[in-house]
Amino acid sequence: MSVPGRRRACPHPTRGRRADTYRTARAVQRTGRLLCWSLAAGMAGAATEALFHPGAG
């Protein structure tokens, strides 16, 4: 019988890695969002330039 409040070593190899996996997943998600927003800003800038300078292309 184990003592309450005391942690035992867990034999499962992937336990304890969830926090790292979750952190990595959030970082990838934020990087994707940043890439998407920067692409949207670039497209908006190109569309604005095409509207105000139609003969430049």
C-alpha atoms as a PDB file:
ATOM      1  CA  MET A   1       0.000   0.000   0.000  1.00  0.00           C
ATOM      2  CA  SER A   2       1.350   3.426  -0.904  1.00  0.00           C
ATOM      3  CA  VAL A   3       1.648   6.376   1.418  1.00  0.00           C
ATOM      4  CA  PRO A   4      -0.868   9.147   0.581  1.00  0.00           C
ATOM      5  CA  GLY A   5       0.681  12.259  -0.901  1.00  0.00           C
ATOM      6  CA  ARG A   6       3.817  10.491  -1.985  1.00  0.00           C
ATOM      7  CA  ARG A   7       4.640  10.030  -5.646  1.00  0.00           C
ATOM      8  CA  ARG A   8       5.884   6.762  -6.984  1.00  0.00           C
ATOM      9  CA  ALA A   9       8.052   6.335 -10.037  1.00  0.00           C
ATOM     10  CA  CYS A  10       5.831   5.786 -13.026  1.00  0.00           C
ATOM     11  CA  PRO A  11       6.840   2.912 -15.284  1.00  0.00           C
ATOM     12  CA  HIS A  12       5.073   4.377 -18.316  1.00  0.00           C
ATOM     13  CA  PRO A  13       7.681   5.863 -20.729  1.00  0.00           C
ATOM     14  CA  THR A  14       5.545   8.759 -22.010  1.00  0.00           C
ATOM     15  CA  ARG A  15       4.253  10.055 -18.703  1.00  0.00           C
ATOM     16  CA  GLY A  16       5.653  13.410 -17.730  1.00  0.00           C
ATOM     17  CA  ARG A  17       6.150  14.448 -21.344  1.00  0.00           C
ATOM     18  CA  ARG A  18       2.649  15.790 -21.833  1.00  0.00           C
ATOM     19  CA  ALA A  19       3.599  19.259 -20.644  1.00  0.00           C
ATOM     20  CA  ASP A  20       6.452  19.404 -23.147  1.00  0.00           C
ATOM     21  CA  THR A  21       4.226  18.094 -25.937  1.00  0.00           C
ATOM     22  CA  TYR A  22       1.508  20.584 -25.052  1.00  0.00           C
ATOM     23  CA  ARG A  23       4.031  23.427 -24.965  1.00  0.00           C
ATOM     24  CA  THR A  24       5.443  22.397 -28.345  1.00  0.00           C
ATOM     25  CA  ALA A  25       1.963  22.114 -29.856  1.00  0.00           C
ATOM     26  CA  ARG A  26       1.086  25.599 -28.640  1.00  0.00           C
ATOM     27  CA  ALA A  27       4.319  27.005 -30.069  1.00  0.00           C
ATOM     28  CA  VAL A  28       3.616  25.404 -33.448  1.00  0.00           C
ATOM     29  CA  GLN A  29       0.065  26.727 -33.396  1.00  0.00           C
ATOM     30  CA  ARG A  30       1.234  30.259 -32.592  1.00  0.00           C
ATOM     31  CA  THR A  31       3.883  30.096 -35.308  1.00  0.00           C
ATOM     32  CA  GLY A  32       1.231  29.021 -37.804  1.00  0.00           C
ATOM     33  CA  ARG A  33      -1.017  31.881 -36.792  1.00  0.00           C
ATOM     34  CA  LEU A  34       1.838  34.361 -37.125  1.00  0.00           C
ATOM     35  CA  LEU A  35       2.654  33.024 -40.579  1.00  0.00           C
ATOM     36  CA  CYS A  36      -0.994  33.251 -41.614  1.00  0.00           C
ATOM     37  CA  TRP A  37      -1.348  36.833 -40.378  1.00  0.00           C
ATOM     38  CA  SER A  38       1.866  37.918 -42.062  1.00  0.00           C
ATOM     39  CA  LEU A  39       0.660  36.390 -45.333  1.00  0.00           C
ATOM     40  CA  ALA A  40      -2.667  38.208 -44.952  1.00  0.00           C
ATOM     41  CA  ALA A  41      -0.869  41.489 -44.301  1.00  0.00           C
ATOM     42  CA  GLY A  42       1.298  40.990 -47.367  1.00  0.00           C
ATOM     43  CA  MET A  43      -1.721  40.237 -49.525  1.00  0.00           C
ATOM     44  CA  ALA A  44      -3.557  43.299 -48.190  1.00  0.00           C
ATOM     45  CA  GLY A  45      -0.521  45.455 -48.912  1.00  0.00           C
ATOM     46  CA  ALA A  46      -0.265  44.111 -52.461  1.00  0.00           C
ATOM     47  CA  ALA A  47      -3.976  44.689 -53.044  1.00  0.00           C
ATOM     48  CA  THR A  48      -3.727  48.252 -51.711  1.00  0.00           C
ATOM     49  CA  GLU A  49      -0.753  48.955 -53.945  1.00  0.00           C
ATOM     50  CA  ALA A  50      -2.595  47.534 -56.952  1.00  0.00           C
ATOM     51  CA  LEU A  51      -5.588  49.782 -56.212  1.00  0.00           C
ATOM     52  CA  PHE A  52      -3.620  52.984 -55.811  1.00  0.00           C
ATOM     53  CA  HIS A  53      -1.006  52.331 -58.517  1.00  0.00           C
ATOM     54  CA  PRO A  54      -2.779  50.290 -61.230  1.00  0.00           C
ATOM     55  CA  GLY A  55      -0.188  50.974 -63.931  1.00  0.00           C
ATOM     56  CA  ALA A  56       2.814  49.942 -61.823  1.00  0.00           C
ATOM     57  CA  GLY A  57       2.501  46.225 -62.551  1.00  0.00           C
END
